[in-house]
Amino acid sequence: MNTELVLFYTASAAALFATVMTITRLNAAHALLYLIASLLAVAVLFYLMGAPFAAGLEVIIYAGAIMVLFVFVIMMLNMGSATVEQERQWLNFGIWIGPGIICLILLAEVLTLLVDNQRLSGARMVTPKDVGSLLFGPYLLAVELASMLLLSGLVGAYHLARPLNEREEEVPPEVEDQ
């Protein structure tokens, strides 16, 4: 069987498994770890399909920047002294086993691809200018909608994370005038 095909199916299985684990986790921190593993697996798939620039963007933008945003939202939602013990439970070694195994498999695949650099001989080079002209051309509306969706999620998380007594102290202006 072709090595490239084995790598593709392995990365696909890792992406599917990590995505299912992301959806089924009740704990947001555990789901976030599996989501990062899923995004890394998708980046490997992009690389295997001959799109190294898209793979790099997947790692930098999604697995990097947007995951940092999710971590901040989780941190904001877990405010209070009662969550200290819960955070200690989240940091035990056992929760890192599943995402760690998936990431090790993906790392082995990437190292295999880097050692045998003949795989992408038929790939077309995509420049940042090509990506920019598409993002700010025909896909401008989709990019703006995605940014507004992320902004509304961040504002909603901020309002959910405010302490309850701070919300109760706010009195609507109509009540104060009467």
Protein backbone atom coordinates (compact mmCIF):
# COMPACT_ATOMS: atom_id res chain seq x y z
CA MET A 1 0.00 0.00 0.00
CA ASN A 2 1.18 3.51 -0.78
CA THR A 3 2.83 5.31 2.17
CA GLU A 4 1.08 8.56 1.35
CA LEU A 5 -2.29 6.80 1.43
CA VAL A 6 -1.51 5.25 4.84
CA LEU A 7 -0.53 8.69 6.19
CA PHE A 8 -3.72 10.22 4.76
CA TYR A 9 -5.99 7.60 6.33
CA THR A 10 -4.16 7.82 9.66
CA ALA A 11 -4.54 11.61 9.76
CA SER A 12 -8.19 11.29 8.71
CA ALA A 13 -8.89 8.79 11.49
CA ALA A 14 -7.12 11.04 14.00
CA ALA A 15 -9.19 14.03 12.84
CA LEU A 16 -12.46 12.09 13.07
CA PHE A 17 -11.66 10.64 16.48
CA ALA A 18 -10.55 13.99 17.91
CA THR A 19 -13.63 15.72 16.50
CA VAL A 20 -16.00 13.15 18.00
CA MET A 21 -14.20 13.47 21.33
CA THR A 22 -14.51 17.28 21.08
CA ILE A 23 -18.25 17.07 20.61
CA THR A 24 -18.86 14.49 23.34
CA ARG A 25 -16.77 16.02 26.18
CA LEU A 26 -18.73 17.72 28.94
CA ASN A 27 -15.69 19.56 30.25
CA ALA A 28 -14.77 22.58 28.10
CA ALA A 29 -11.03 22.27 28.78
CA HIS A 30 -11.00 18.62 27.65
CA ALA A 31 -13.00 19.48 24.53
CA LEU A 32 -10.53 22.26 23.75
CA LEU A 33 -7.58 19.85 23.89
CA TYR A 34 -9.29 17.48 21.47
CA LEU A 35 -10.26 20.39 19.20
CA ILE A 36 -6.62 21.44 18.96
CA ALA A 37 -5.65 17.86 18.04
CA SER A 38 -8.42 17.81 15.43
CA LEU A 39 -7.22 21.07 13.87
CA LEU A 40 -3.65 19.78 13.73
CA ALA A 41 -4.88 16.61 11.98
CA VAL A 42 -6.71 18.74 9.41
CA ALA A 43 -3.49 20.70 8.85
CA VAL A 44 -1.67 17.44 8.13
CA LEU A 45 -4.43 16.52 5.67
CA PHE A 46 -4.02 19.86 3.89
CA TYR A 47 -0.29 19.24 3.66
CA LEU A 48 -0.81 15.74 2.28
CA MET A 49 -3.21 17.08 -0.36
CA GLY A 50 -0.55 19.46 -1.64
CA ALA A 51 -1.56 22.66 0.14
CA PRO A 52 1.31 23.47 2.54
CA PHE A 53 0.30 27.13 2.81
CA ALA A 54 -3.24 26.17 3.85
CA ALA A 55 -1.74 23.74 6.39
CA GLY A 56 0.39 26.54 7.82
CA LEU A 57 -2.60 28.86 8.03
CA GLU A 58 -4.59 26.12 9.77
CA VAL A 59 -1.93 25.78 12.45
CA ILE A 60 -1.23 29.50 12.90
CA ILE A 61 -4.78 30.85 12.76
CA TYR A 62 -7.01 28.07 14.07
CA ALA A 63 -4.83 25.90 16.28
CA GLY A 64 -2.95 28.99 17.47
CA ALA A 65 -4.84 32.27 17.61
CA ILE A 66 -8.44 31.10 17.88
CA MET A 67 -7.56 28.47 20.49
CA VAL A 68 -5.95 31.23 22.59
CA LEU A 69 -9.26 33.09 22.32
CA PHE A 70 -11.12 29.97 23.50
CA VAL A 71 -8.71 29.58 26.42
CA PHE A 72 -9.43 33.18 27.48
CA VAL A 73 -13.18 32.56 27.29
CA ILE A 74 -12.82 29.42 29.42
CA MET A 75 -10.74 31.39 31.91
CA MET A 76 -13.37 34.14 32.06
CA LEU A 77 -16.22 31.69 32.57
CA ASN A 78 -14.43 29.88 35.41
CA MET A 79 -14.18 32.86 37.72
CA GLY A 80 -14.56 32.37 41.46
CA SER A 81 -12.94 30.54 44.32
CA ALA A 82 -15.00 27.36 43.85
CA THR A 83 -13.25 26.53 40.58
CA VAL A 84 -9.73 26.20 42.03
CA GLU A 85 -10.29 22.55 42.98
CA GLN A 86 -11.94 21.88 39.62
CA GLU A 87 -8.90 23.30 37.81
CA ARG A 88 -6.62 21.02 39.85
CA GLN A 89 -8.65 18.06 38.62
CA TRP A 90 -8.38 19.28 35.01
CA LEU A 91 -4.59 19.40 35.19
CA ASN A 92 -4.06 15.76 36.07
CA PHE A 93 -2.00 13.67 33.69
CA GLY A 94 -4.89 11.46 32.56
CA ILE A 95 -6.68 14.09 30.53
CA TRP A 96 -3.61 14.66 28.35
CA ILE A 97 -3.28 11.03 27.23
CA GLY A 98 -5.84 11.06 24.38
CA PRO A 99 -4.86 14.39 22.79
CA GLY A 100 -1.18 13.60 23.39
CA ILE A 101 -1.37 10.29 21.51
CA ILE A 102 -3.16 11.94 18.58
CA CYS A 103 -0.55 14.72 18.44
CA LEU A 104 2.31 12.19 18.59
CA ILE A 105 0.81 10.29 15.65
CA LEU A 106 0.50 13.53 13.70
CA LEU A 107 4.05 14.54 14.60
CA ALA A 108 5.33 11.20 13.30
CA GLU A 109 3.43 11.80 10.05
CA VAL A 110 4.85 15.29 9.63
CA LEU A 111 8.38 14.03 10.31
CA THR A 112 7.86 11.27 7.73
CA LEU A 113 6.73 13.85 5.19
CA LEU A 114 9.64 16.16 5.92
CA VAL A 115 12.19 13.35 5.54
CA ASP A 116 10.68 12.26 2.22
CA ASN A 117 10.18 15.68 0.56
CA GLN A 118 9.39 14.13 -2.86
CA ARG A 119 5.68 13.85 -1.97
CA LEU A 120 4.72 17.38 -2.92
CA SER A 121 6.38 17.44 -6.33
CA GLY A 122 3.00 18.01 -8.03
CA ALA A 123 1.79 20.68 -5.60
CA ARG A 124 1.17 24.20 -6.87
CA MET A 125 2.67 26.99 -4.79
CA VAL A 126 0.02 29.26 -3.28
CA THR A 127 1.37 32.67 -2.36
CA PRO A 128 0.03 34.90 0.40
CA LYS A 129 -1.02 37.35 -2.33
CA ASP A 130 -3.27 34.65 -3.84
CA VAL A 131 -4.88 33.98 -0.46
CA GLY A 132 -5.30 37.69 0.28
CA SER A 133 -6.88 38.41 -3.09
CA LEU A 134 -9.39 35.61 -2.50
CA LEU A 135 -10.15 36.57 1.11
CA PHE A 136 -10.68 40.23 0.23
CA GLY A 137 -12.35 39.47 -3.09
CA PRO A 138 -15.08 36.87 -3.57
CA TYR A 139 -14.93 35.65 0.05
CA LEU A 140 -15.01 39.08 1.72
CA LEU A 141 -18.55 38.66 3.06
CA ALA A 142 -17.75 35.24 4.56
CA VAL A 143 -14.62 36.61 6.26
CA GLU A 144 -16.53 39.55 7.73
CA LEU A 145 -19.38 37.32 8.92
CA ALA A 146 -16.90 35.00 10.64
CA SER A 147 -15.22 37.93 12.38
CA MET A 148 -18.58 39.30 13.57
CA LEU A 149 -19.54 35.84 14.86
CA LEU A 150 -16.30 35.60 16.85
CA LEU A 151 -16.79 39.12 18.23
CA SER A 152 -20.37 38.39 19.31
CA GLY A 153 -19.21 35.17 21.01
CA LEU A 154 -16.54 37.07 22.91
CA VAL A 155 -19.01 39.77 24.05
CA GLY A 156 -21.50 37.09 25.11
CA ALA A 157 -18.81 35.25 27.07
CA TYR A 158 -17.85 38.48 28.82
CA HIS A 159 -21.45 39.09 29.92
CA LEU A 160 -21.84 35.50 31.10
CA ALA A 161 -18.61 35.69 33.06
CA ARG A 162 -19.48 38.76 35.10
CA PRO A 163 -20.12 37.90 38.75
CA LEU A 164 -23.78 37.54 39.66
CA ASN A 165 -23.71 40.24 42.34
CA GLU A 166 -22.35 42.73 39.80
CA ARG A 167 -25.32 41.96 37.54
CA GLU A 168 -27.81 42.41 40.40
CA GLU A 169 -26.35 45.82 41.34
CA GLU A 170 -27.14 47.21 37.92
CA VAL A 171 -30.49 48.98 38.01
CA PRO A 172 -32.20 49.96 34.76
CA PRO A 173 -32.51 53.76 34.27
CA GLU A 174 -36.33 53.56 34.13
CA VAL A 175 -36.46 52.17 37.69
CA GLU A 176 -34.20 54.93 39.07
CA ASP A 177 -36.39 57.73 37.65
CA GLN A 178 -39.60 56.55 39.35
